Amino acid sequence: MNWIEEIKEYKPYNEQEAADKEAILFSTDNFDNLLTRENPLAHITSSGYIVNKDKTKVLMIYHNIYNSWSWTGGHADGDSDLLYVAIKEAKEETGIKNIKALDNKIFSLDVLPVPAHIKRGKNIASHLHLSVAYLLEADENDELIVKEDENSGVKWIPIDEVGVYSTEADMIVLYEKFNKKIKENY
């Protein structure tokens, strides 16, 4: 199934996800370059919310641009296998080699605003990340490795304390939604 069909088949968890799904599908109907960063207004990203086996901890990175503990993920950069992108980014950003999807289906759809910033010496305009997220699992005893060009920390955080570590108000709301979905469905 292609990535657009996967998004179309996704059943939104709440009104926010329904509205964001509609916005993402509007974007797929009107732009043909969402899988790349060539689109300066919006592009597809794929992220992983990584939990341990008993779902009591979340693996997070300290993101250098946002100066906050954050989930893993990144741009599709032309790759239409968004689950593969989420797992690849999770492995690159945490150093863990064995990360698996708890479910091969999308865990969450979200439109995330990205403020203007400088990345690798280049000005990046404000834009939207059309986020396709997956619920991933890893062994909390595996070695963690910092990816210094993107983050300055990697650690397991108690799932109920994610809002204490993250400093991004919008992301805290997102993580709380994820935690509620996990408690209800896994």
N, C-alpha and C. Protein backbone atom coordinates (compact mmCIF):
# COMPACT_ATOMS: atom_id res chain seq x y z
N MET A 1 0.85 -1.17 0.00
CA MET A 1 0.00 0.00 0.00
C MET A 1 0.90 1.24 0.00
N ASN A 2 0.55 2.23 -0.81
CA ASN A 2 1.40 3.42 -0.83
C ASN A 2 1.08 4.33 0.37
N TRP A 3 1.95 5.27 0.61
CA TRP A 3 1.86 6.09 1.82
C TRP A 3 0.59 6.93 1.87
N ILE A 4 0.11 7.39 0.73
CA ILE A 4 -1.12 8.19 0.73
C ILE A 4 -2.32 7.30 1.09
N GLU A 5 -2.35 6.09 0.56
CA GLU A 5 -3.43 5.16 0.90
C GLU A 5 -3.38 4.81 2.39
N GLU A 6 -2.18 4.66 2.92
CA GLU A 6 -2.03 4.37 4.35
C GLU A 6 -2.63 5.51 5.20
N ILE A 7 -2.39 6.73 4.78
CA ILE A 7 -2.95 7.89 5.49
C ILE A 7 -4.48 7.91 5.33
N LYS A 8 -4.97 7.65 4.13
CA LYS A 8 -6.41 7.63 3.91
C LYS A 8 -7.11 6.60 4.77
N GLU A 9 -6.48 5.44 4.98
CA GLU A 9 -7.08 4.37 5.77
C GLU A 9 -6.97 4.59 7.27
N TYR A 10 -6.14 5.51 7.70
CA TYR A 10 -5.96 5.74 9.13
C TYR A 10 -7.25 6.25 9.78
N LYS A 11 -7.61 5.64 10.89
CA LYS A 11 -8.80 6.05 11.65
C LYS A 11 -8.36 7.02 12.75
N PRO A 12 -8.73 8.29 12.62
CA PRO A 12 -8.31 9.28 13.62
C PRO A 12 -8.78 8.93 15.03
N TYR A 13 -7.92 9.21 15.98
CA TYR A 13 -8.18 8.95 17.39
C TYR A 13 -9.13 9.97 18.00
N ASN A 14 -9.02 11.22 17.53
CA ASN A 14 -9.83 12.30 18.10
C ASN A 14 -10.06 13.38 17.03
N GLU A 15 -10.72 14.46 17.42
CA GLU A 15 -11.03 15.54 16.47
C GLU A 15 -9.77 16.21 15.92
N GLN A 16 -8.77 16.36 16.77
CA GLN A 16 -7.50 16.96 16.31
C GLN A 16 -6.90 16.12 15.19
N GLU A 17 -6.85 14.81 15.37
CA GLU A 17 -6.28 13.95 14.33
C GLU A 17 -7.15 13.96 13.07
N ALA A 18 -8.46 14.04 13.23
CA ALA A 18 -9.35 14.10 12.07
C ALA A 18 -9.07 15.37 11.26
N ALA A 19 -8.91 16.48 11.95
CA ALA A 19 -8.62 17.75 11.26
C ALA A 19 -7.24 17.71 10.61
N ASP A 20 -6.27 17.14 11.32
CA ASP A 20 -4.91 17.07 10.77
C ASP A 20 -4.85 16.11 9.58
N LYS A 21 -5.58 15.01 9.65
CA LYS A 21 -5.65 14.08 8.52
C LYS A 21 -6.21 14.80 7.29
N GLU A 22 -7.27 15.57 7.50
CA GLU A 22 -7.87 16.32 6.40
C GLU A 22 -6.85 17.30 5.80
N ALA A 23 -6.09 17.98 6.65
CA ALA A 23 -5.08 18.93 6.16
C ALA A 23 -3.96 18.21 5.40
N ILE A 24 -3.56 17.06 5.90
CA ILE A 24 -2.51 16.29 5.22
C ILE A 24 -3.00 15.82 3.86
N LEU A 25 -4.23 15.31 3.81
CA LEU A 25 -4.77 14.86 2.52
C LEU A 25 -5.00 16.02 1.56
N PHE A 26 -5.37 17.18 2.07
CA PHE A 26 -5.45 18.38 1.23
C PHE A 26 -4.08 18.66 0.61
N SER A 27 -3.05 18.53 1.42
CA SER A 27 -1.68 18.77 0.94
C SER A 27 -1.28 17.75 -0.12
N THR A 28 -1.64 16.48 0.08
CA THR A 28 -1.28 15.46 -0.92
C THR A 28 -2.01 15.71 -2.23
N ASP A 29 -3.21 16.29 -2.16
CA ASP A 29 -3.97 16.60 -3.38
C ASP A 29 -3.40 17.81 -4.12
N ASN A 30 -2.70 18.68 -3.41
CA ASN A 30 -2.27 19.95 -4.01
C ASN A 30 -0.77 20.10 -4.21
N PHE A 31 0.02 19.22 -3.66
CA PHE A 31 1.48 19.28 -3.82
C PHE A 31 2.00 17.91 -4.22
N ASP A 32 2.94 17.89 -5.14
CA ASP A 32 3.51 16.59 -5.54
C ASP A 32 4.91 16.38 -4.97
N ASN A 33 5.35 17.29 -4.10
CA ASN A 33 6.71 17.17 -3.58
C ASN A 33 6.75 17.13 -2.05
N LEU A 34 5.75 16.53 -1.43
CA LEU A 34 5.68 16.50 0.03
C LEU A 34 6.69 15.54 0.67
N LEU A 35 7.18 14.58 -0.11
CA LEU A 35 8.16 13.64 0.45
C LEU A 35 9.58 14.21 0.47
N THR A 36 9.74 15.42 -0.05
CA THR A 36 11.06 16.04 -0.05
C THR A 36 10.98 17.41 0.64
N ARG A 37 12.14 17.94 0.92
CA ARG A 37 12.19 19.27 1.53
C ARG A 37 12.12 20.37 0.49
N GLU A 38 11.91 20.00 -0.77
CA GLU A 38 11.76 20.99 -1.83
C GLU A 38 10.52 21.85 -1.60
N ASN A 39 9.54 21.31 -0.91
CA ASN A 39 8.34 22.08 -0.59
C ASN A 39 8.64 22.91 0.66
N PRO A 40 8.74 24.23 0.51
CA PRO A 40 9.13 25.07 1.66
C PRO A 40 8.01 25.31 2.67
N LEU A 41 6.76 24.96 2.30
CA LEU A 41 5.63 25.20 3.19
C LEU A 41 5.31 24.02 4.09
N ALA A 42 5.43 22.82 3.54
CA ALA A 42 5.06 21.62 4.30
C ALA A 42 5.74 20.41 3.68
N HIS A 43 6.11 19.46 4.53
CA HIS A 43 6.63 18.20 4.02
C HIS A 43 6.40 17.08 5.03
N ILE A 44 6.43 15.87 4.50
CA ILE A 44 6.17 14.68 5.32
C ILE A 44 7.38 14.38 6.20
N THR A 45 7.09 14.11 7.46
CA THR A 45 8.09 13.59 8.37
C THR A 45 7.55 12.29 8.96
N SER A 46 8.45 11.47 9.42
CA SER A 46 8.04 10.21 10.02
C SER A 46 8.79 10.06 11.34
N SER A 47 8.04 9.81 12.40
CA SER A 47 8.63 9.76 13.73
C SER A 47 8.25 8.48 14.45
N GLY A 48 9.02 8.20 15.50
CA GLY A 48 8.75 7.05 16.32
C GLY A 48 8.64 7.43 17.78
N TYR A 49 7.59 6.98 18.40
CA TYR A 49 7.43 7.10 19.85
C TYR A 49 7.87 5.75 20.38
N ILE A 50 9.04 5.71 20.99
CA ILE A 50 9.69 4.45 21.35
C ILE A 50 9.45 4.14 22.81
N VAL A 51 8.83 2.99 23.06
CA VAL A 51 8.56 2.55 24.43
C VAL A 51 9.37 1.29 24.73
N ASN A 52 9.55 1.03 26.03
CA ASN A 52 10.18 -0.22 26.44
C ASN A 52 9.13 -1.32 26.41
N LYS A 53 9.56 -2.54 26.68
CA LYS A 53 8.66 -3.70 26.55
C LYS A 53 7.41 -3.59 27.42
N ASP A 54 7.56 -3.10 28.67
CA ASP A 54 6.38 -3.01 29.53
C ASP A 54 5.67 -1.66 29.45
N LYS A 55 6.11 -0.83 28.52
CA LYS A 55 5.47 0.46 28.22
C LYS A 55 5.41 1.40 29.42
N THR A 56 6.47 1.37 30.22
CA THR A 56 6.58 2.26 31.37
C THR A 56 7.58 3.39 31.13
N LYS A 57 8.35 3.29 30.03
CA LYS A 57 9.35 4.31 29.71
C LYS A 57 9.31 4.63 28.23
N VAL A 58 9.76 5.85 27.91
CA VAL A 58 9.85 6.33 26.54
C VAL A 58 11.31 6.72 26.28
N LEU A 59 11.83 6.30 25.14
CA LEU A 59 13.20 6.66 24.76
C LEU A 59 13.16 8.00 24.04
N MET A 60 13.89 8.97 24.59
CA MET A 60 13.87 10.31 23.99
C MET A 60 15.29 10.82 23.79
N ILE A 61 15.39 11.79 22.90
CA ILE A 61 16.66 12.45 22.63
C ILE A 61 16.55 13.91 23.08
N TYR A 62 17.70 14.49 23.43
CA TYR A 62 17.71 15.93 23.71
C TYR A 62 18.04 16.62 22.40
N HIS A 63 17.01 17.21 21.79
CA HIS A 63 17.09 17.80 20.44
C HIS A 63 17.84 19.13 20.49
N ASN A 64 18.90 19.24 19.69
CA ASN A 64 19.74 20.44 19.70
C ASN A 64 19.04 21.69 19.18
N ILE A 65 18.16 21.57 18.20
CA ILE A 65 17.47 22.75 17.66
C ILE A 65 16.41 23.25 18.63
N TYR A 66 15.63 22.33 19.21
CA TYR A 66 14.51 22.72 20.07
C TYR A 66 14.89 22.83 21.54
N ASN A 67 16.12 22.42 21.88
CA ASN A 67 16.59 22.46 23.26
C ASN A 67 15.56 21.84 24.21
N SER A 68 15.14 20.63 23.86
CA SER A 68 14.13 19.94 24.64
C SER A 68 14.26 18.43 24.42
N TRP A 69 13.81 17.67 25.40
CA TRP A 69 13.71 16.23 25.22
C TRP A 69 12.57 15.98 24.24
N SER A 70 12.84 15.12 23.28
CA SER A 70 11.92 14.95 22.16
C SER A 70 11.92 13.50 21.66
N TRP A 71 10.90 13.16 20.91
CA TRP A 71 10.85 11.86 20.25
C TRP A 71 11.82 11.85 19.08
N THR A 72 12.00 10.68 18.47
CA THR A 72 12.89 10.58 17.32
C THR A 72 12.09 10.72 16.04
N GLY A 73 12.77 11.08 14.98
CA GLY A 73 12.10 11.16 13.68
C GLY A 73 12.82 12.08 12.74
N GLY A 74 12.31 12.13 11.52
CA GLY A 74 12.95 12.99 10.54
C GLY A 74 12.17 13.07 9.25
N HIS A 75 12.77 13.75 8.30
CA HIS A 75 12.16 13.97 7.00
C HIS A 75 12.17 12.68 6.18
N ALA A 76 11.16 12.52 5.34
CA ALA A 76 11.08 11.35 4.46
C ALA A 76 12.21 11.39 3.43
N ASP A 77 12.60 12.59 3.01
CA ASP A 77 13.67 12.76 2.02
C ASP A 77 13.50 11.86 0.80
N GLY A 78 12.26 11.81 0.29
CA GLY A 78 11.97 11.08 -0.93
C GLY A 78 11.57 9.63 -0.71
N ASP A 79 11.72 9.11 0.49
CA ASP A 79 11.38 7.71 0.76
C ASP A 79 9.89 7.59 1.10
N SER A 80 9.18 6.77 0.38
CA SER A 80 7.73 6.63 0.61
C SER A 80 7.39 5.55 1.64
N ASP A 81 8.39 4.80 2.12
CA ASP A 81 8.16 3.80 3.18
C ASP A 81 8.35 4.50 4.52
N LEU A 82 7.27 5.07 5.03
CA LEU A 82 7.37 5.93 6.21
C LEU A 82 7.67 5.16 7.48
N LEU A 83 7.25 3.92 7.60
CA LEU A 83 7.62 3.11 8.75
C LEU A 83 9.13 2.87 8.74
N TYR A 84 9.68 2.56 7.58
CA TYR A 84 11.12 2.39 7.45
C TYR A 84 11.85 3.66 7.88
N VAL A 85 11.36 4.81 7.45
CA VAL A 85 11.99 6.09 7.82
C VAL A 85 11.97 6.28 9.34
N ALA A 86 10.83 6.00 9.97
CA ALA A 86 10.71 6.16 11.43
C ALA A 86 11.72 5.27 12.16
N ILE A 87 11.83 4.01 11.74
CA ILE A 87 12.76 3.09 12.39
C ILE A 87 14.21 3.49 12.11
N LYS A 88 14.50 3.87 10.88
CA LYS A 88 15.86 4.31 10.52
C LYS A 88 16.29 5.50 11.36
N GLU A 89 15.41 6.49 11.45
CA GLU A 89 15.72 7.69 12.24
C GLU A 89 15.90 7.34 13.72
N ALA A 90 15.06 6.45 14.24
CA ALA A 90 15.16 6.04 15.64
C ALA A 90 16.51 5.39 15.91
N LYS A 91 16.93 4.51 15.01
CA LYS A 91 18.22 3.85 15.17
C LYS A 91 19.37 4.85 15.09
N GLU A 92 19.33 5.74 14.11
CA GLU A 92 20.39 6.74 13.93
C GLU A 92 20.51 7.67 15.13
N GLU A 93 19.37 8.08 15.68
CA GLU A 93 19.37 9.10 16.73
C GLU A 93 19.61 8.55 18.13
N THR A 94 19.44 7.23 18.31
CA THR A 94 19.60 6.65 19.65
C THR A 94 20.76 5.66 19.75
N GLY A 95 21.21 5.15 18.62
CA GLY A 95 22.25 4.14 18.63
C GLY A 95 21.74 2.73 18.83
N ILE A 96 20.48 2.56 19.16
CA ILE A 96 19.92 1.22 19.37
C ILE A 96 19.74 0.53 18.01
N LYS A 97 20.23 -0.69 17.92
CA LYS A 97 20.18 -1.41 16.64
C LYS A 97 18.88 -2.19 16.44
N ASN A 98 18.26 -2.63 17.52
CA ASN A 98 17.04 -3.44 17.41
C ASN A 98 15.82 -2.65 17.88
N ILE A 99 15.19 -2.02 16.93
CA ILE A 99 13.95 -1.27 17.19
C ILE A 99 12.90 -1.85 16.27
N LYS A 100 11.74 -2.15 16.83
CA LYS A 100 10.68 -2.73 16.01
C LYS A 100 9.39 -1.95 16.19
N ALA A 101 8.53 -2.08 15.20
CA ALA A 101 7.21 -1.46 15.28
C ALA A 101 6.30 -2.36 16.10
N LEU A 102 5.55 -1.77 17.03
CA LEU A 102 4.56 -2.54 17.77
C LEU A 102 3.38 -2.89 16.87
N ASP A 103 3.21 -2.08 15.85
CA ASP A 103 2.12 -2.26 14.91
C ASP A 103 2.62 -1.63 13.61
N ASN A 104 2.39 -2.25 12.49
CA ASN A 104 2.86 -1.68 11.22
C ASN A 104 1.98 -0.56 10.72
N LYS A 105 0.94 -0.24 11.47
CA LYS A 105 0.02 0.82 11.07
C LYS A 105 0.43 2.14 11.72
N ILE A 106 -0.05 3.21 11.13
CA ILE A 106 0.20 4.55 11.67
C ILE A 106 -0.36 4.64 13.09
N PHE A 107 0.42 5.24 13.97
CA PHE A 107 0.01 5.44 15.36
C PHE A 107 -0.66 6.80 15.54
N SER A 108 -0.21 7.80 14.79
CA SER A 108 -0.76 9.14 14.93
C SER A 108 -0.47 9.97 13.68
N LEU A 109 -1.41 10.84 13.34
CA LEU A 109 -1.23 11.83 12.28
C LEU A 109 -1.35 13.20 12.92
N ASP A 110 -0.36 14.06 12.66
CA ASP A 110 -0.35 15.39 13.28
C ASP A 110 0.29 16.40 12.34
N VAL A 111 -0.25 17.60 12.33
CA VAL A 111 0.38 18.71 11.62
C VAL A 111 1.10 19.54 12.68
N LEU A 112 2.44 19.60 12.54
CA LEU A 112 3.26 20.25 13.56
C LEU A 112 3.93 21.50 12.99
N PRO A 113 3.68 22.66 13.60
CA PRO A 113 4.35 23.88 13.13
C PRO A 113 5.81 23.88 13.54
N VAL A 114 6.66 24.29 12.62
CA VAL A 114 8.10 24.38 12.89
C VAL A 114 8.50 25.84 12.76
N PRO A 115 8.97 26.46 13.84
CA PRO A 115 9.38 27.86 13.74
C PRO A 115 10.66 28.01 12.92
N ALA A 116 10.87 29.21 12.41
CA ALA A 116 12.11 29.49 11.67
C ALA A 116 13.30 29.20 12.57
N HIS A 117 14.36 28.68 11.96
CA HIS A 117 15.56 28.37 12.72
C HIS A 117 16.76 28.29 11.78
N ILE A 118 17.91 28.14 12.36
CA ILE A 118 19.14 27.96 11.57
C ILE A 118 19.60 26.52 11.77
N LYS A 119 19.84 25.83 10.64
CA LYS A 119 20.32 24.45 10.69
C LYS A 119 21.55 24.34 9.80
N ARG A 120 22.65 23.92 10.42
CA ARG A 120 23.92 23.79 9.72
C ARG A 120 24.29 25.07 8.97
N GLY A 121 24.06 26.21 9.64
CA GLY A 121 24.42 27.51 9.10
C GLY A 121 23.45 28.08 8.08
N LYS A 122 22.35 27.41 7.83
CA LYS A 122 21.39 27.87 6.83
C LYS A 122 20.08 28.25 7.51
N ASN A 123 19.50 29.39 7.07
CA ASN A 123 18.20 29.82 7.58
C ASN A 123 17.11 28.93 7.00
N ILE A 124 16.26 28.41 7.87
CA ILE A 124 15.13 27.59 7.47
C ILE A 124 13.86 28.36 7.83
N ALA A 125 13.00 28.60 6.85
CA ALA A 125 11.76 29.35 7.08
C ALA A 125 10.77 28.52 7.90
N SER A 126 9.87 29.20 8.58
CA SER A 126 8.78 28.51 9.27
C SER A 126 8.03 27.65 8.26
N HIS A 127 7.62 26.46 8.69
CA HIS A 127 6.90 25.55 7.81
C HIS A 127 6.15 24.52 8.65
N LEU A 128 5.49 23.59 7.99
CA LEU A 128 4.73 22.55 8.68
C LEU A 128 5.35 21.18 8.44
N HIS A 129 5.39 20.40 9.49
CA HIS A 129 5.73 18.99 9.35
C HIS A 129 4.42 18.21 9.35
N LEU A 130 4.18 17.50 8.29
CA LEU A 130 3.01 16.63 8.18
C LEU A 130 3.47 15.29 8.73
N SER A 131 3.24 15.11 10.02
CA SER A 131 3.85 14.03 10.78
C SER A 131 3.04 12.74 10.73
N VAL A 132 3.73 11.69 10.29
CA VAL A 132 3.19 10.34 10.32
C VAL A 132 4.02 9.61 11.38
N ALA A 133 3.37 9.19 12.46
CA ALA A 133 4.10 8.60 13.58
C ALA A 133 3.74 7.13 13.76
N TYR A 134 4.72 6.41 14.28
CA TYR A 134 4.57 4.98 14.56
C TYR A 134 4.96 4.70 16.00
N LEU A 135 4.33 3.71 16.59
CA LEU A 135 4.68 3.28 17.93
C LEU A 135 5.74 2.19 17.80
N LEU A 136 6.90 2.46 18.38
CA LEU A 136 8.04 1.55 18.27
C LEU A 136 8.41 1.02 19.65
N GLU A 137 9.16 -0.09 19.64
CA GLU A 137 9.60 -0.69 20.90
C GLU A 137 11.09 -1.01 20.81
N ALA A 138 11.78 -0.83 21.93
CA ALA A 138 13.20 -1.17 22.01
C ALA A 138 13.50 -1.70 23.40
N ASP A 139 14.65 -2.36 23.52
CA ASP A 139 15.09 -2.91 24.80
C ASP A 139 15.81 -1.82 25.57
N GLU A 140 15.31 -1.52 26.76
CA GLU A 140 15.91 -0.42 27.53
C GLU A 140 17.31 -0.73 28.03
N ASN A 141 17.78 -1.97 27.87
CA ASN A 141 19.13 -2.33 28.29
C ASN A 141 20.15 -2.20 27.17
N ASP A 142 19.70 -1.92 25.94
CA ASP A 142 20.62 -1.74 24.83
C ASP A 142 21.42 -0.44 25.00
N GLU A 143 22.62 -0.43 24.44
CA GLU A 143 23.49 0.74 24.54
C GLU A 143 22.90 1.93 23.78
N LEU A 144 22.98 3.09 24.40
CA LEU A 144 22.51 4.33 23.79
C LEU A 144 23.71 5.14 23.31
N ILE A 145 23.60 5.74 22.13
CA ILE A 145 24.67 6.55 21.56
C ILE A 145 24.10 7.87 21.08
N VAL A 146 24.71 8.97 21.48
CA VAL A 146 24.30 10.31 21.07
C VAL A 146 24.73 10.56 19.62
N LYS A 147 23.84 11.14 18.83
CA LYS A 147 24.16 11.57 17.45
C LYS A 147 24.43 13.06 17.52
N GLU A 148 25.68 13.42 17.73
CA GLU A 148 26.06 14.77 18.12
C GLU A 148 25.63 15.87 17.16
N ASP A 149 25.44 15.57 15.88
CA ASP A 149 25.02 16.63 14.96
C ASP A 149 23.53 16.94 15.09
N GLU A 150 22.78 16.12 15.85
CA GLU A 150 21.35 16.36 16.02
C GLU A 150 20.90 16.43 17.47
N ASN A 151 21.56 15.67 18.35
CA ASN A 151 21.12 15.66 19.74
C ASN A 151 22.31 15.63 20.68
N SER A 152 22.04 15.98 21.91
CA SER A 152 23.12 15.99 22.91
C SER A 152 22.78 15.10 24.10
N GLY A 153 21.80 14.23 23.92
CA GLY A 153 21.45 13.28 24.97
C GLY A 153 20.45 12.27 24.46
N VAL A 154 20.53 11.07 25.04
CA VAL A 154 19.58 10.00 24.75
C VAL A 154 19.30 9.30 26.06
N LYS A 155 18.02 9.16 26.43
CA LYS A 155 17.73 8.44 27.67
C LYS A 155 16.30 7.97 27.72
N TRP A 156 16.12 6.96 28.58
CA TRP A 156 14.78 6.44 28.87
C TRP A 156 14.16 7.30 29.95
N ILE A 157 12.94 7.74 29.70
CA ILE A 157 12.22 8.62 30.63
C ILE A 157 10.94 7.88 31.06
N PRO A 158 10.61 7.90 32.35
CA PRO A 158 9.34 7.30 32.76
C PRO A 158 8.20 7.91 31.94
N ILE A 159 7.33 7.06 31.42
CA ILE A 159 6.29 7.51 30.48
C ILE A 159 5.41 8.61 31.08
N ASP A 160 5.16 8.56 32.38
CA ASP A 160 4.31 9.57 33.00
C ASP A 160 5.06 10.87 33.33
N GLU A 161 6.37 10.92 33.03
CA GLU A 161 7.17 12.12 33.32
C GLU A 161 7.64 12.84 32.05
N VAL A 162 7.15 12.41 30.90
CA VAL A 162 7.58 13.03 29.64
C VAL A 162 7.34 14.54 29.67
N GLY A 163 6.21 14.96 30.23
CA GLY A 163 5.89 16.39 30.29
C GLY A 163 6.80 17.17 31.21
N VAL A 164 7.50 16.50 32.10
CA VAL A 164 8.47 17.16 32.97
C VAL A 164 9.76 17.45 32.21
N TYR A 165 10.12 16.55 31.29
CA TYR A 165 11.37 16.67 30.54
C TYR A 165 11.25 17.54 29.30
N SER A 166 10.14 17.44 28.60
CA SER A 166 9.95 18.24 27.39
C SER A 166 9.61 19.67 27.78
N THR A 167 10.16 20.62 27.04
CA THR A 167 9.87 22.03 27.31
C THR A 167 8.99 22.65 26.22
N GLU A 168 8.53 21.84 25.27
CA GLU A 168 7.70 22.33 24.18
C GLU A 168 6.24 22.04 24.49
N ALA A 169 5.49 23.08 24.79
CA ALA A 169 4.09 22.91 25.22
C ALA A 169 3.27 22.10 24.22
N ASP A 170 3.40 22.40 22.91
CA ASP A 170 2.63 21.67 21.90
C ASP A 170 3.00 20.19 21.88
N MET A 171 4.27 19.91 22.08
CA MET A 171 4.72 18.52 22.05
C MET A 171 4.29 17.77 23.31
N ILE A 172 4.23 18.45 24.42
CA ILE A 172 3.76 17.80 25.66
C ILE A 172 2.32 17.31 25.46
N VAL A 173 1.49 18.14 24.83
CA VAL A 173 0.11 17.74 24.53
C VAL A 173 0.12 16.49 23.63
N LEU A 174 1.00 16.48 22.65
CA LEU A 174 1.10 15.34 21.74
C LEU A 174 1.53 14.08 22.49
N TYR A 175 2.56 14.19 23.33
CA TYR A 175 3.04 13.03 24.08
C TYR A 175 1.97 12.52 25.05
N GLU A 176 1.22 13.42 25.65
CA GLU A 176 0.14 12.99 26.55
C GLU A 176 -0.93 12.23 25.77
N LYS A 177 -1.21 12.67 24.54
CA LYS A 177 -2.15 11.94 23.68
C LYS A 177 -1.60 10.55 23.39
N PHE A 178 -0.32 10.46 23.06
CA PHE A 178 0.29 9.16 22.78
C PHE A 178 0.16 8.23 24.00
N ASN A 179 0.48 8.77 25.18
CA ASN A 179 0.43 7.95 26.40
C ASN A 179 -0.98 7.44 26.67
N LYS A 180 -1.97 8.30 26.43
CA LYS A 180 -3.36 7.89 26.63
C LYS A 180 -3.73 6.79 25.64
N LYS A 181 -3.30 6.93 24.38
CA LYS A 181 -3.58 5.91 23.38
C LYS A 181 -2.93 4.58 23.76
N ILE A 182 -1.71 4.63 24.26
CA ILE A 182 -1.02 3.41 24.67
C ILE A 182 -1.77 2.72 25.81
N LYS A 183 -2.17 3.48 26.81
CA LYS A 183 -2.89 2.91 27.95
C LYS A 183 -4.21 2.28 27.52
N GLU A 184 -4.87 2.89 26.53
CA GLU A 184 -6.16 2.39 26.07
C GLU A 184 -6.07 1.21 25.12
N ASN A 185 -4.96 1.12 24.38
CA ASN A 185 -4.92 0.15 23.27
C ASN A 185 -3.80 -0.88 23.31
N TYR A 186 -2.83 -0.76 24.23
CA TYR A 186 -1.69 -1.69 24.19
C TYR A 186 -1.44 -2.33 25.55
